[in-house]
C-alpha cells in the first residue's frame, strides 16, 4: 500500500494478521491529527462493516512508516507501521 492510499483512508490488513474479518484504516480528525481505526466486517459479506473503533492515535506520518501510540493502564505503547506491511482491502463482488 502507498502513503497516499493510507492518507486517503483506504482500508487495509496487516501482514501476519490472524483475523480474516477485520481491517484497519486511517481517519483524519484534524489537519495534523488522526487515528487508526479497526473495522469489524461481516463474515458472509466482507464489504459490510459492522462496527469500527479507534485503536491508536497517529503521532507522525513519515515517507515509509506511520508512528502510532495508545495508552494502556497509564503506559504509553508506541508502534511503527510500515506501508510495506499494509495490504490494501479490495471490495469483494
Protein backbone atom coordinates (compact mmCIF):
# COMPACT_ATOMS: atom_id res chain seq x y z
CA UNK A 1 0.00 0.00 0.00
CA UNK A 2 1.21 3.53 -0.65
CA UNK A 3 1.35 6.50 1.68
CA UNK A 4 -1.33 8.21 -0.42
CA UNK A 5 -3.65 5.17 -0.12
CA UNK A 6 -3.18 5.37 3.65
CA UNK A 7 -3.89 9.12 3.76
CA UNK A 8 -6.98 8.63 1.59
CA UNK A 9 -8.40 6.26 4.23
CA UNK A 10 -8.15 3.03 2.24
CA UNK A 11 -8.90 0.01 4.43
CA UNK A 12 -6.02 -2.42 4.92
CA UNK A 13 -4.96 -5.54 6.76
CA UNK A 14 -1.51 -6.27 8.13
CA UNK A 15 0.87 -8.99 7.03
CA UNK A 16 0.73 -11.85 9.53
CA UNK A 17 -2.63 -10.75 10.97
CA UNK A 18 -4.54 -13.80 12.21
CA UNK A 19 -8.06 -12.40 11.77
CA UNK A 20 -9.82 -12.64 8.45
CA UNK A 21 -12.75 -10.31 9.07
CA UNK A 22 -11.03 -7.22 10.49
CA UNK A 23 -9.37 -4.38 8.63
CA UNK A 24 -7.84 -1.08 9.66
CA UNK A 25 -7.91 2.42 8.24
CA UNK A 26 -6.62 5.91 8.87
CA UNK A 27 -9.13 8.57 9.81
CA UNK A 28 -8.09 12.20 9.78
CA UNK A 29 -9.55 14.12 12.70
CA UNK A 30 -7.91 17.50 12.16
CA UNK A 31 -5.33 18.81 9.72
CA UNK A 32 -2.49 17.41 11.86
CA UNK A 33 -4.28 14.75 13.90
CA UNK A 34 -5.59 11.31 13.05
CA UNK A 35 -6.16 7.80 14.31
CA UNK A 36 -6.09 4.17 13.21
CA UNK A 37 -9.49 2.51 13.34
CA UNK A 38 -10.19 -1.22 13.45
CA UNK A 39 -13.15 -2.28 11.30
CA UNK A 40 -15.09 -5.45 12.08
CA UNK A 41 -16.62 -6.88 8.92
CA UNK A 42 -19.40 -9.41 8.36
CA UNK A 43 -18.06 -12.90 7.66
CA UNK A 44 -20.54 -13.62 4.88
CA UNK A 45 -20.27 -10.12 3.32
CA UNK A 46 -16.81 -8.60 3.74
CA UNK A 47 -17.96 -5.32 2.14
CA UNK A 48 -20.19 -4.59 5.16
CA UNK A 49 -18.57 -3.01 8.22
CA UNK A 50 -20.46 -3.86 11.40
CA UNK A 51 -18.58 -1.60 13.80
CA UNK A 52 -15.34 0.35 13.98
CA UNK A 53 -13.28 1.60 16.89
CA UNK A 54 -10.29 3.86 17.41
CA UNK A 55 -7.34 1.73 18.48
CA UNK A 56 -4.30 4.02 18.07
CA UNK A 57 -3.51 7.69 17.69
CA UNK A 58 -1.26 8.75 14.83
CA UNK A 59 1.73 10.76 16.03
CA UNK A 60 3.66 11.15 12.78
CA UNK A 61 3.20 10.16 9.15
CA UNK A 62 6.53 9.58 7.50
CA UNK A 63 7.55 8.64 3.99
CA UNK A 64 8.00 4.93 4.87
CA UNK A 65 6.28 4.45 8.25
CA UNK A 66 3.42 5.68 10.40
CA UNK A 67 4.19 6.31 14.07
CA UNK A 68 1.25 5.43 16.35
CA UNK A 69 0.60 5.30 20.07
CA UNK A 70 -2.05 4.42 22.62
CA UNK A 71 -2.25 4.22 26.40
CA UNK A 72 -2.86 1.04 28.36
CA UNK A 73 -3.06 1.28 32.16
CA UNK A 74 -1.17 4.62 32.16
CA UNK A 75 1.62 3.23 29.97
CA UNK A 76 2.25 4.70 26.54
CA UNK A 77 2.57 1.98 23.90
CA UNK A 78 4.20 3.02 20.63
CA UNK A 79 4.11 1.17 17.31
CA UNK A 80 5.56 1.88 13.88
CA UNK A 81 3.65 0.58 10.87
CA UNK A 82 5.43 0.34 7.55
CA UNK A 83 3.43 0.89 4.36
CA UNK A 84 5.02 -2.37 3.13
CA UNK A 85 3.22 -4.25 5.96
CA UNK A 86 -0.18 -2.90 4.88
CA UNK A 87 -2.24 -4.90 2.38
CA UNK A 88 -4.96 -2.79 0.78
CA UNK A 89 -8.50 -4.14 1.09
CA UNK A 90 -10.37 -4.58 -2.19
CA UNK A 91 -14.14 -4.88 -2.22
CA UNK A 92 -15.48 -8.38 -2.77
CA UNK A 93 -18.04 -8.94 -5.50
